[in-house]
Amino acid sequence: MVEIPASLNRKLVPPAAVSEGDWPRPLVFTNGVFDVLHRGHVLYLAAARELGAALLVAVNSDSSAKQLGKGPDRPLNREGDRAIVIAALESVAFVTLFDEPTPCELLRRCRPDIYVKGGDYDMETLEETRLVRSWGGRSVAIPFVDGYSTSALLRRIRGP
């Protein structure tokens, strides 16, 4: 097994270590499965990073991702692999994992200034939005990049 380079390893934050702490501010937080990284993910994360001083990405653990009902074979990539790929992006400052259906516990602990999701989400319906606003933060929907999704990519690979 290849050792994780220090430049990536320092971006990986164990979930237990996520606290209000000394994050660069304003801290931007987002979450997702990020199963097969594609252009839509990269553009979304770059846009999220531009909203603040640092971007913390919470990646769904394998068990959390399975609860989302994306299919019995999902996620395709294991949580550690997905976290490393996300950490390799220049726009991402920190990566952690979460096991719960939502990242609300992590949000409570790090209290980001800005919570971001893709434009395919209705921010007003998310528990995460209410939570972040409770301490004066804000929620932002970044426009969805049409034509890019892991599910669509898998349909194309698998064929008719």
N, C-alpha and C. Protein backbone atom coordinates (compact mmCIF):
# COMPACT_ATOMS: atom_id res chain seq x y z
N MET A 1 0.84 -1.19 0.00
CA MET A 1 0.00 0.00 0.00
C MET A 1 0.88 1.25 0.00
N VAL A 2 0.53 2.22 -0.80
CA VAL A 2 1.29 3.46 -0.90
C VAL A 2 0.94 4.37 0.27
N GLU A 3 1.96 4.95 0.86
CA GLU A 3 1.74 5.87 1.98
C GLU A 3 1.10 7.16 1.48
N ILE A 4 0.22 7.71 2.30
CA ILE A 4 -0.45 8.97 1.94
C ILE A 4 0.55 10.11 2.10
N PRO A 5 0.76 10.91 1.05
CA PRO A 5 1.69 12.03 1.16
C PRO A 5 1.25 13.01 2.26
N ALA A 6 2.22 13.62 2.91
CA ALA A 6 1.94 14.55 4.00
C ALA A 6 1.02 15.68 3.57
N SER A 7 1.15 16.13 2.30
CA SER A 7 0.31 17.23 1.80
C SER A 7 -1.17 16.87 1.82
N LEU A 8 -1.48 15.59 1.65
CA LEU A 8 -2.87 15.14 1.72
C LEU A 8 -3.24 14.76 3.15
N ASN A 9 -2.34 14.10 3.82
CA ASN A 9 -2.62 13.61 5.17
C ASN A 9 -2.99 14.75 6.12
N ARG A 10 -2.36 15.90 5.96
CA ARG A 10 -2.66 17.02 6.88
C ARG A 10 -4.05 17.62 6.62
N LYS A 11 -4.64 17.31 5.47
CA LYS A 11 -6.00 17.77 5.17
C LYS A 11 -7.07 16.87 5.78
N LEU A 12 -6.71 15.64 6.13
CA LEU A 12 -7.66 14.66 6.66
C LEU A 12 -7.85 14.86 8.15
N VAL A 13 -9.07 15.15 8.54
CA VAL A 13 -9.40 15.43 9.94
C VAL A 13 -10.30 14.32 10.46
N PRO A 14 -9.87 13.57 11.47
CA PRO A 14 -10.76 12.54 12.02
C PRO A 14 -12.04 13.19 12.55
N PRO A 15 -13.18 12.54 12.37
CA PRO A 15 -14.45 13.14 12.81
C PRO A 15 -14.42 13.57 14.28
N ALA A 16 -13.78 12.80 15.13
CA ALA A 16 -13.72 13.13 16.56
C ALA A 16 -12.93 14.41 16.82
N ALA A 17 -12.07 14.80 15.88
CA ALA A 17 -11.25 16.00 16.05
C ALA A 17 -11.93 17.26 15.54
N VAL A 18 -13.09 17.13 14.93
CA VAL A 18 -13.81 18.30 14.42
C VAL A 18 -14.46 19.02 15.60
N SER A 19 -14.04 20.26 15.82
CA SER A 19 -14.60 21.08 16.89
C SER A 19 -14.60 22.53 16.41
N GLU A 20 -15.10 23.43 17.27
CA GLU A 20 -15.16 24.84 16.87
C GLU A 20 -13.76 25.35 16.57
N GLY A 21 -12.82 25.05 17.40
CA GLY A 21 -11.39 25.22 17.17
C GLY A 21 -10.90 26.40 16.37
N ASP A 22 -9.76 26.21 15.77
CA ASP A 22 -9.04 27.26 15.06
C ASP A 22 -9.13 27.13 13.55
N TRP A 23 -10.32 27.05 13.02
CA TRP A 23 -10.49 27.00 11.56
C TRP A 23 -10.24 28.39 10.98
N PRO A 24 -9.70 28.45 9.78
CA PRO A 24 -9.65 29.74 9.10
C PRO A 24 -11.08 30.24 8.90
N ARG A 25 -11.30 31.52 9.10
CA ARG A 25 -12.66 32.09 8.97
C ARG A 25 -12.67 33.12 7.86
N PRO A 26 -13.77 33.22 7.13
CA PRO A 26 -14.98 32.43 7.27
C PRO A 26 -14.77 31.00 6.77
N LEU A 27 -15.31 30.04 7.55
CA LEU A 27 -15.23 28.62 7.22
C LEU A 27 -16.45 28.24 6.39
N VAL A 28 -16.20 27.60 5.25
CA VAL A 28 -17.26 27.09 4.38
C VAL A 28 -17.31 25.58 4.58
N PHE A 29 -18.52 25.04 4.70
CA PHE A 29 -18.72 23.61 4.95
C PHE A 29 -19.66 23.06 3.89
N THR A 30 -19.32 21.90 3.35
CA THR A 30 -20.24 21.17 2.48
C THR A 30 -20.08 19.69 2.75
N ASN A 31 -20.99 18.92 2.21
CA ASN A 31 -20.94 17.48 2.41
C ASN A 31 -21.49 16.75 1.20
N GLY A 32 -21.12 15.49 1.07
CA GLY A 32 -21.62 14.66 -0.01
C GLY A 32 -20.93 13.33 -0.07
N VAL A 33 -21.39 12.49 -0.97
CA VAL A 33 -20.80 11.16 -1.15
C VAL A 33 -19.54 11.26 -2.01
N PHE A 34 -19.60 12.02 -3.09
CA PHE A 34 -18.46 12.20 -4.00
C PHE A 34 -17.89 10.85 -4.43
N ASP A 35 -18.79 9.98 -4.93
CA ASP A 35 -18.42 8.61 -5.24
C ASP A 35 -17.48 8.50 -6.43
N VAL A 36 -17.86 9.09 -7.55
CA VAL A 36 -17.00 9.13 -8.72
C VAL A 36 -16.84 10.61 -9.06
N LEU A 37 -15.68 11.15 -8.78
CA LEU A 37 -15.45 12.58 -8.95
C LEU A 37 -15.58 12.95 -10.43
N HIS A 38 -16.31 14.03 -10.69
CA HIS A 38 -16.51 14.49 -12.06
C HIS A 38 -16.48 16.02 -12.11
N ARG A 39 -16.58 16.56 -13.30
CA ARG A 39 -16.50 18.01 -13.53
C ARG A 39 -17.48 18.78 -12.65
N GLY A 40 -18.70 18.30 -12.50
CA GLY A 40 -19.68 18.98 -11.66
C GLY A 40 -19.21 19.12 -10.23
N HIS A 41 -18.63 18.05 -9.67
CA HIS A 41 -18.09 18.12 -8.30
C HIS A 41 -16.97 19.16 -8.20
N VAL A 42 -16.05 19.10 -9.16
CA VAL A 42 -14.87 19.98 -9.11
C VAL A 42 -15.29 21.45 -9.20
N LEU A 43 -16.19 21.77 -10.12
CA LEU A 43 -16.65 23.16 -10.25
C LEU A 43 -17.42 23.61 -9.01
N TYR A 44 -18.24 22.73 -8.48
CA TYR A 44 -19.00 23.02 -7.26
C TYR A 44 -18.07 23.30 -6.09
N LEU A 45 -17.07 22.45 -5.87
CA LEU A 45 -16.16 22.64 -4.74
C LEU A 45 -15.30 23.90 -4.92
N ALA A 46 -14.89 24.19 -6.13
CA ALA A 46 -14.12 25.41 -6.38
C ALA A 46 -14.96 26.65 -6.08
N ALA A 47 -16.22 26.64 -6.50
CA ALA A 47 -17.12 27.77 -6.22
C ALA A 47 -17.37 27.91 -4.72
N ALA A 48 -17.53 26.78 -4.03
CA ALA A 48 -17.73 26.82 -2.58
C ALA A 48 -16.53 27.43 -1.88
N ARG A 49 -15.35 27.05 -2.29
CA ARG A 49 -14.12 27.56 -1.67
C ARG A 49 -14.01 29.08 -1.81
N GLU A 50 -14.48 29.62 -2.91
CA GLU A 50 -14.38 31.06 -3.15
C GLU A 50 -15.25 31.88 -2.21
N LEU A 51 -16.14 31.23 -1.48
CA LEU A 51 -17.03 31.94 -0.55
C LEU A 51 -16.38 32.26 0.79
N GLY A 52 -15.22 31.67 1.08
CA GLY A 52 -14.62 31.90 2.39
C GLY A 52 -13.13 31.67 2.39
N ALA A 53 -12.58 31.57 3.59
CA ALA A 53 -11.13 31.40 3.76
C ALA A 53 -10.70 29.95 3.62
N ALA A 54 -11.59 29.01 3.93
CA ALA A 54 -11.25 27.59 3.85
C ALA A 54 -12.52 26.78 3.64
N LEU A 55 -12.37 25.64 2.96
CA LEU A 55 -13.48 24.74 2.69
C LEU A 55 -13.24 23.42 3.41
N LEU A 56 -14.20 23.05 4.28
CA LEU A 56 -14.22 21.76 4.96
C LEU A 56 -15.27 20.90 4.28
N VAL A 57 -14.86 19.73 3.77
CA VAL A 57 -15.77 18.82 3.09
C VAL A 57 -15.98 17.60 3.98
N ALA A 58 -17.24 17.32 4.30
CA ALA A 58 -17.60 16.13 5.06
C ALA A 58 -18.10 15.08 4.06
N VAL A 59 -17.40 13.97 4.00
CA VAL A 59 -17.73 12.90 3.06
C VAL A 59 -18.55 11.83 3.79
N ASN A 60 -19.66 11.43 3.18
CA ASN A 60 -20.47 10.35 3.76
C ASN A 60 -19.62 9.09 3.88
N SER A 61 -19.65 8.46 5.05
CA SER A 61 -19.00 7.16 5.21
C SER A 61 -19.72 6.16 4.31
N ASP A 62 -19.13 4.99 4.15
CA ASP A 62 -19.78 3.96 3.32
C ASP A 62 -21.16 3.63 3.85
N SER A 63 -21.28 3.46 5.18
CA SER A 63 -22.59 3.11 5.75
C SER A 63 -23.59 4.24 5.58
N SER A 64 -23.15 5.48 5.74
CA SER A 64 -24.04 6.63 5.55
C SER A 64 -24.48 6.72 4.09
N ALA A 65 -23.56 6.50 3.17
CA ALA A 65 -23.88 6.58 1.75
C ALA A 65 -24.91 5.51 1.36
N LYS A 66 -24.78 4.33 1.91
CA LYS A 66 -25.71 3.25 1.59
C LYS A 66 -27.14 3.60 2.03
N GLN A 67 -27.27 4.40 3.09
CA GLN A 67 -28.58 4.79 3.59
C GLN A 67 -29.30 5.76 2.64
N LEU A 68 -28.58 6.34 1.70
CA LEU A 68 -29.17 7.33 0.80
C LEU A 68 -29.96 6.71 -0.34
N GLY A 69 -29.91 5.40 -0.48
CA GLY A 69 -30.72 4.71 -1.48
C GLY A 69 -30.29 4.91 -2.91
N LYS A 70 -28.99 5.08 -3.14
CA LYS A 70 -28.51 5.28 -4.51
C LYS A 70 -28.33 3.96 -5.26
N GLY A 71 -28.50 2.84 -4.57
CA GLY A 71 -28.37 1.53 -5.20
C GLY A 71 -27.55 0.60 -4.34
N PRO A 72 -27.76 -0.70 -4.51
CA PRO A 72 -27.08 -1.68 -3.66
C PRO A 72 -25.57 -1.75 -3.87
N ASP A 73 -25.10 -1.30 -5.04
CA ASP A 73 -23.67 -1.35 -5.33
C ASP A 73 -22.95 -0.03 -5.03
N ARG A 74 -23.64 0.89 -4.42
CA ARG A 74 -23.05 2.21 -4.13
C ARG A 74 -22.73 2.33 -2.65
N PRO A 75 -21.71 3.02 -2.28
CA PRO A 75 -20.78 3.70 -3.17
C PRO A 75 -19.83 2.72 -3.86
N LEU A 76 -19.35 3.11 -5.02
CA LEU A 76 -18.40 2.28 -5.75
C LEU A 76 -17.02 2.35 -5.10
N ASN A 77 -16.65 3.52 -4.67
CA ASN A 77 -15.35 3.73 -4.03
C ASN A 77 -15.51 3.80 -2.52
N ARG A 78 -14.55 3.22 -1.81
CA ARG A 78 -14.62 3.20 -0.34
C ARG A 78 -14.40 4.60 0.23
N GLU A 79 -14.90 4.80 1.43
CA GLU A 79 -14.85 6.12 2.08
C GLU A 79 -13.44 6.70 2.15
N GLY A 80 -12.47 5.90 2.51
CA GLY A 80 -11.09 6.41 2.59
C GLY A 80 -10.56 6.86 1.25
N ASP A 81 -10.91 6.12 0.20
CA ASP A 81 -10.48 6.49 -1.15
C ASP A 81 -11.16 7.78 -1.59
N ARG A 82 -12.47 7.89 -1.31
CA ARG A 82 -13.20 9.11 -1.68
C ARG A 82 -12.65 10.32 -0.94
N ALA A 83 -12.30 10.14 0.33
CA ALA A 83 -11.75 11.25 1.12
C ALA A 83 -10.41 11.72 0.56
N ILE A 84 -9.56 10.78 0.17
CA ILE A 84 -8.25 11.14 -0.39
C ILE A 84 -8.40 11.90 -1.70
N VAL A 85 -9.30 11.45 -2.56
CA VAL A 85 -9.51 12.12 -3.84
C VAL A 85 -9.98 13.56 -3.61
N ILE A 86 -10.90 13.75 -2.68
CA ILE A 86 -11.39 15.10 -2.37
C ILE A 86 -10.26 15.95 -1.77
N ALA A 87 -9.47 15.35 -0.89
CA ALA A 87 -8.36 16.08 -0.26
C ALA A 87 -7.32 16.54 -1.29
N ALA A 88 -7.21 15.83 -2.39
CA ALA A 88 -6.22 16.19 -3.42
C ALA A 88 -6.59 17.44 -4.19
N LEU A 89 -7.83 17.89 -4.07
CA LEU A 89 -8.25 19.09 -4.80
C LEU A 89 -7.71 20.35 -4.13
N GLU A 90 -7.21 21.24 -4.93
CA GLU A 90 -6.66 22.50 -4.43
C GLU A 90 -7.69 23.31 -3.65
N SER A 91 -8.94 23.25 -4.05
CA SER A 91 -9.98 24.06 -3.41
C SER A 91 -10.34 23.57 -2.01
N VAL A 92 -9.97 22.36 -1.67
CA VAL A 92 -10.37 21.75 -0.40
C VAL A 92 -9.25 21.90 0.63
N ALA A 93 -9.60 22.49 1.78
CA ALA A 93 -8.63 22.67 2.86
C ALA A 93 -8.63 21.50 3.83
N PHE A 94 -9.82 20.94 4.11
CA PHE A 94 -9.96 19.88 5.10
C PHE A 94 -11.04 18.90 4.66
N VAL A 95 -10.85 17.63 5.03
CA VAL A 95 -11.83 16.58 4.73
C VAL A 95 -12.04 15.75 5.98
N THR A 96 -13.30 15.43 6.24
CA THR A 96 -13.63 14.52 7.33
C THR A 96 -14.72 13.58 6.84
N LEU A 97 -15.05 12.60 7.64
CA LEU A 97 -16.11 11.64 7.32
C LEU A 97 -17.24 11.78 8.32
N PHE A 98 -18.45 11.34 7.92
CA PHE A 98 -19.54 11.27 8.89
C PHE A 98 -20.39 10.05 8.61
N ASP A 99 -20.90 9.45 9.69
CA ASP A 99 -21.69 8.21 9.62
C ASP A 99 -23.19 8.45 9.62
N GLU A 100 -23.62 9.60 10.05
CA GLU A 100 -25.05 9.88 10.23
C GLU A 100 -25.69 10.20 8.88
N PRO A 101 -27.03 10.21 8.84
CA PRO A 101 -27.73 10.58 7.60
C PRO A 101 -27.46 12.03 7.17
N THR A 102 -27.25 12.92 8.13
CA THR A 102 -26.92 14.32 7.84
C THR A 102 -25.67 14.70 8.62
N PRO A 103 -24.98 15.76 8.21
CA PRO A 103 -23.77 16.18 8.91
C PRO A 103 -24.05 17.13 10.08
N CYS A 104 -25.27 17.12 10.61
CA CYS A 104 -25.65 18.11 11.63
C CYS A 104 -24.73 18.07 12.86
N GLU A 105 -24.33 16.90 13.29
CA GLU A 105 -23.45 16.83 14.47
C GLU A 105 -22.12 17.51 14.18
N LEU A 106 -21.55 17.30 13.02
CA LEU A 106 -20.31 17.98 12.65
C LEU A 106 -20.53 19.49 12.57
N LEU A 107 -21.64 19.91 12.00
CA LEU A 107 -21.95 21.34 11.91
C LEU A 107 -22.01 21.97 13.29
N ARG A 108 -22.66 21.29 14.23
CA ARG A 108 -22.74 21.81 15.61
C ARG A 108 -21.35 21.99 16.22
N ARG A 109 -20.47 21.06 15.89
CA ARG A 109 -19.15 21.08 16.50
C ARG A 109 -18.19 22.10 15.89
N CYS A 110 -18.28 22.33 14.57
CA CYS A 110 -17.32 23.27 13.96
C CYS A 110 -17.92 24.65 13.69
N ARG A 111 -19.25 24.75 13.72
CA ARG A 111 -19.97 26.01 13.54
C ARG A 111 -19.45 26.84 12.36
N PRO A 112 -19.62 26.31 11.16
CA PRO A 112 -19.13 27.05 9.99
C PRO A 112 -19.92 28.34 9.79
N ASP A 113 -19.30 29.24 9.08
CA ASP A 113 -19.94 30.52 8.75
C ASP A 113 -20.90 30.35 7.57
N ILE A 114 -20.57 29.41 6.68
CA ILE A 114 -21.36 29.22 5.46
C ILE A 114 -21.53 27.73 5.21
N TYR A 115 -22.78 27.32 4.96
CA TYR A 115 -23.09 25.94 4.59
C TYR A 115 -23.50 25.95 3.13
N VAL A 116 -22.91 25.06 2.33
CA VAL A 116 -23.13 25.06 0.88
C VAL A 116 -23.63 23.69 0.41
N LYS A 117 -24.58 23.72 -0.51
CA LYS A 117 -25.02 22.52 -1.22
C LYS A 117 -25.22 22.89 -2.68
N GLY A 118 -25.39 21.88 -3.52
CA GLY A 118 -25.63 22.10 -4.94
C GLY A 118 -27.02 22.65 -5.17
N GLY A 119 -27.20 23.30 -6.30
CA GLY A 119 -28.46 23.94 -6.65
C GLY A 119 -29.63 22.99 -6.83
N ASP A 120 -29.37 21.68 -6.79
CA ASP A 120 -30.47 20.72 -6.88
C ASP A 120 -31.13 20.51 -5.52
N TYR A 121 -30.63 21.18 -4.49
CA TYR A 121 -31.23 21.11 -3.14
C TYR A 121 -32.05 22.37 -2.88
N ASP A 122 -33.15 22.23 -2.16
CA ASP A 122 -33.94 23.35 -1.68
C ASP A 122 -33.41 23.67 -0.29
N MET A 123 -32.58 24.69 -0.20
CA MET A 123 -31.89 25.02 1.05
C MET A 123 -32.85 25.27 2.21
N GLU A 124 -34.03 25.79 1.91
CA GLU A 124 -34.99 26.13 2.96
C GLU A 124 -35.58 24.90 3.65
N THR A 125 -35.47 23.75 3.02
CA THR A 125 -36.03 22.53 3.61
C THR A 125 -35.01 21.74 4.42
N LEU A 126 -33.75 22.14 4.38
CA LEU A 126 -32.69 21.37 5.03
C LEU A 126 -32.53 21.72 6.51
N GLU A 127 -32.45 20.70 7.33
CA GLU A 127 -32.16 20.89 8.75
C GLU A 127 -30.82 21.61 8.94
N GLU A 128 -29.88 21.33 8.06
CA GLU A 128 -28.56 21.96 8.13
C GLU A 128 -28.65 23.48 8.01
N THR A 129 -29.53 23.96 7.14
CA THR A 129 -29.72 25.40 6.96
C THR A 129 -30.22 26.04 8.26
N ARG A 130 -31.25 25.44 8.85
CA ARG A 130 -31.78 25.98 10.11
C ARG A 130 -30.71 26.00 11.19
N LEU A 131 -29.93 24.96 11.25
CA LEU A 131 -28.89 24.85 12.26
C LEU A 131 -27.82 25.94 12.08
N VAL A 132 -27.31 26.09 10.89
CA VAL A 132 -26.25 27.09 10.63
C VAL A 132 -26.77 28.51 10.86
N ARG A 133 -28.00 28.76 10.49
CA ARG A 133 -28.58 30.09 10.73
C ARG A 133 -28.76 30.37 12.22
N SER A 134 -28.88 29.33 13.04
CA SER A 134 -29.10 29.53 14.48
C SER A 134 -27.94 30.24 15.15
N TRP A 135 -26.75 30.18 14.60
CA TRP A 135 -25.61 30.92 15.17
C TRP A 135 -25.16 32.07 14.27
N GLY A 136 -26.02 32.44 13.32
CA GLY A 136 -25.73 33.60 12.48
C GLY A 136 -25.04 33.29 11.17
N GLY A 137 -24.88 31.99 10.86
CA GLY A 137 -24.29 31.61 9.59
C GLY A 137 -25.31 31.70 8.47
N ARG A 138 -24.86 31.39 7.28
CA ARG A 138 -25.78 31.42 6.14
C ARG A 138 -25.61 30.17 5.29
N SER A 139 -26.64 29.89 4.50
CA SER A 139 -26.63 28.75 3.59
C SER A 139 -26.70 29.25 2.17
N VAL A 140 -25.94 28.58 1.30
CA VAL A 140 -25.84 29.00 -0.09
C VAL A 140 -26.02 27.78 -1.00
N ALA A 141 -26.86 27.92 -2.00
CA ALA A 141 -27.00 26.89 -3.03
C ALA A 141 -26.17 27.33 -4.24
N ILE A 142 -25.24 26.49 -4.63
CA ILE A 142 -24.41 26.78 -5.79
C ILE A 142 -25.08 26.14 -7.01
N PRO A 143 -25.21 26.89 -8.10
CA PRO A 143 -25.91 26.35 -9.27
C PRO A 143 -25.39 24.97 -9.67
N PHE A 144 -26.34 24.10 -9.98
CA PHE A 144 -26.06 22.73 -10.39
C PHE A 144 -25.49 22.75 -11.80
N VAL A 145 -24.46 21.94 -12.04
CA VAL A 145 -23.86 21.84 -13.37
C VAL A 145 -24.63 20.75 -14.12
N ASP A 146 -25.51 21.15 -15.04
CA ASP A 146 -26.33 20.19 -15.78
C ASP A 146 -25.47 19.20 -16.55
N GLY A 147 -25.94 17.96 -16.57
CA GLY A 147 -25.28 16.93 -17.36
C GLY A 147 -24.20 16.18 -16.62
N TYR A 148 -23.96 16.52 -15.35
CA TYR A 148 -22.91 15.85 -14.59
C TYR A 148 -23.48 15.30 -13.30
N SER A 149 -23.53 13.99 -13.19
CA SER A 149 -23.88 13.33 -11.95
C SER A 149 -23.29 11.93 -11.98
N THR A 150 -22.96 11.41 -10.81
CA THR A 150 -22.41 10.06 -10.75
C THR A 150 -23.44 9.06 -11.26
N SER A 151 -24.71 9.24 -10.89
CA SER A 151 -25.75 8.31 -11.34
C SER A 151 -25.86 8.30 -12.85
N ALA A 152 -25.83 9.48 -13.48
CA ALA A 152 -25.91 9.55 -14.95
C ALA A 152 -24.68 8.92 -15.59
N LEU A 153 -23.52 9.15 -15.00
CA LEU A 153 -22.28 8.56 -15.51
C LEU A 153 -22.36 7.03 -15.45
N LEU A 154 -22.86 6.50 -14.35
CA LEU A 154 -22.98 5.04 -14.21
C LEU A 154 -23.98 4.47 -15.21
N ARG A 155 -25.08 5.18 -15.46
CA ARG A 155 -26.05 4.71 -16.46
C ARG A 155 -25.39 4.64 -17.83
N ARG A 156 -24.57 5.64 -18.15
CA ARG A 156 -23.90 5.67 -19.44
C ARG A 156 -22.87 4.53 -19.55
N ILE A 157 -22.13 4.27 -18.49
CA ILE A 157 -21.13 3.19 -18.48
C ILE A 157 -21.80 1.83 -18.63
N ARG A 158 -22.90 1.65 -17.91
CA ARG A 158 -23.59 0.35 -17.90
C ARG A 158 -24.38 0.10 -19.18
N GLY A 159 -24.69 1.16 -19.89
CA GLY A 159 -25.40 1.02 -21.15
C GLY A 159 -26.88 0.72 -20.98
N PRO A 160 -27.58 0.52 -22.11
CA PRO A 160 -29.02 0.31 -22.07
C PRO A 160 -29.41 -1.02 -21.43
